[in-house]
Amino acid sequence: MHKTVSAKLIAYEEAAKEGETVQLVKSLQALKEGEKIVFVFGPEGGIDEKEVAKLQMNEFHTCSLGPRILRAETAPLYALSALSYQCELLQ
């Protein structure tokens, strides 16, 4: 059985600069057991605005990973930690 993706998120440093703090939390809290989530992370230097616009046309939402600008290698680990905390440790 094919399951659809429930949350599509773009880790976007511009969202942090704009003070966005809610999308990641809301998306993680809305996940139910067995649902899927997709994160998109940009390269060093950040994801391009045109790439973000294309992703948003496909129902992706920008989210902040906090006030720090994370390296391309550490941003996915941060997101996985947040996902683990929300879906495993709070249960």
Protein backbone atom coordinates (compact mmCIF):
# COMPACT_ATOMS: atom_id res chain seq x y z
CA MET A 1 0.00 0.00 0.00
CA HIS A 2 1.45 3.39 -1.03
CA LYS A 3 1.26 6.10 1.58
CA THR A 4 1.26 9.75 0.63
CA VAL A 5 3.55 12.28 2.21
CA SER A 6 1.83 14.14 5.05
CA ALA A 7 4.35 16.96 5.49
CA LYS A 8 6.68 18.56 2.93
CA LEU A 9 9.16 20.97 4.48
CA ILE A 10 12.00 23.11 3.18
CA ALA A 11 14.64 24.04 5.73
CA TYR A 12 15.07 27.66 4.69
CA GLU A 13 17.35 30.10 6.50
CA GLU A 14 15.34 33.07 5.21
CA ALA A 15 12.38 31.75 7.23
CA ALA A 16 14.51 32.02 10.37
CA LYS A 17 15.53 35.57 9.47
CA GLU A 18 11.83 36.45 9.10
CA GLY A 19 11.15 35.08 12.58
CA GLU A 20 9.18 32.00 11.45
CA THR A 21 9.09 29.56 14.35
CA VAL A 22 5.81 27.69 14.00
CA GLN A 23 5.80 25.61 10.80
CA LEU A 24 8.23 22.90 11.92
CA VAL A 25 6.45 22.42 15.25
CA LYS A 26 2.98 22.39 13.69
CA SER A 27 4.03 19.90 11.01
CA LEU A 28 5.67 17.54 13.48
CA GLN A 29 2.76 17.72 15.93
CA ALA A 30 0.29 16.91 13.14
CA LEU A 31 2.09 13.70 12.12
CA LYS A 32 0.35 10.49 12.95
CA GLU A 33 1.92 7.05 13.21
CA GLY A 34 2.86 5.69 9.80
CA GLU A 35 2.68 9.04 8.01
CA LYS A 36 5.62 10.27 5.96
CA ILE A 37 7.54 13.52 6.06
CA VAL A 38 9.95 14.97 3.48
CA PHE A 39 12.63 17.54 4.29
CA VAL A 40 14.54 19.47 1.63
CA PHE A 41 17.91 20.93 2.62
CA GLY A 42 19.96 23.24 0.46
CA PRO A 43 23.71 23.19 -0.12
CA GLU A 44 26.27 25.35 1.64
CA GLY A 45 25.28 28.93 0.92
CA GLY A 46 21.56 28.16 1.02
CA ILE A 47 18.80 27.09 -1.28
CA ASP A 48 17.93 29.46 -4.14
CA GLU A 49 14.71 31.50 -4.05
CA LYS A 50 13.65 30.04 -7.43
CA GLU A 51 14.06 26.53 -6.07
CA VAL A 52 11.96 27.43 -3.02
CA ALA A 53 9.24 28.88 -5.28
CA LYS A 54 9.12 25.69 -7.36
CA LEU A 55 8.89 23.54 -4.25
CA GLN A 56 6.12 25.75 -2.84
CA MET A 57 4.14 25.22 -6.05
CA ASN A 58 4.27 21.51 -5.12
CA GLU A 59 2.85 22.01 -1.62
CA PHE A 60 6.15 22.34 0.27
CA HIS A 61 6.31 24.80 3.17
CA THR A 62 9.34 26.69 4.38
CA CYS A 63 10.38 26.19 7.97
CA SER A 64 13.04 27.47 10.29
CA LEU A 65 15.45 25.23 12.15
CA GLY A 66 16.05 27.95 14.70
CA PRO A 67 18.07 31.15 14.81
CA ARG A 68 21.39 29.53 13.83
CA ILE A 69 22.53 28.99 10.25
CA LEU A 70 23.42 25.31 10.17
CA ARG A 71 25.88 23.59 7.88
CA ALA A 72 24.54 21.34 5.11
CA GLU A 73 25.92 18.34 7.04
CA THR A 74 24.29 19.20 10.36
CA ALA A 75 20.88 20.56 9.31
CA PRO A 76 19.45 17.09 8.51
CA LEU A 77 20.66 15.79 11.89
CA TYR A 78 18.94 18.70 13.62
CA ALA A 79 15.68 17.93 11.79
CA LEU A 80 15.94 14.23 12.64
CA SER A 81 16.52 15.10 16.28
CA ALA A 82 13.41 17.30 16.31
CA LEU A 83 11.42 14.53 14.61
CA SER A 84 12.66 11.94 17.09
CA TYR A 85 11.83 14.14 20.05
CA GLN A 86 8.30 14.83 18.80
CA CYS A 87 7.43 11.34 17.62
CA GLU A 88 9.29 9.15 20.09
CA LEU A 89 10.22 10.91 23.29
CA LEU A 90 6.94 12.78 23.83
CA GLN A 91 4.91 9.58 23.50
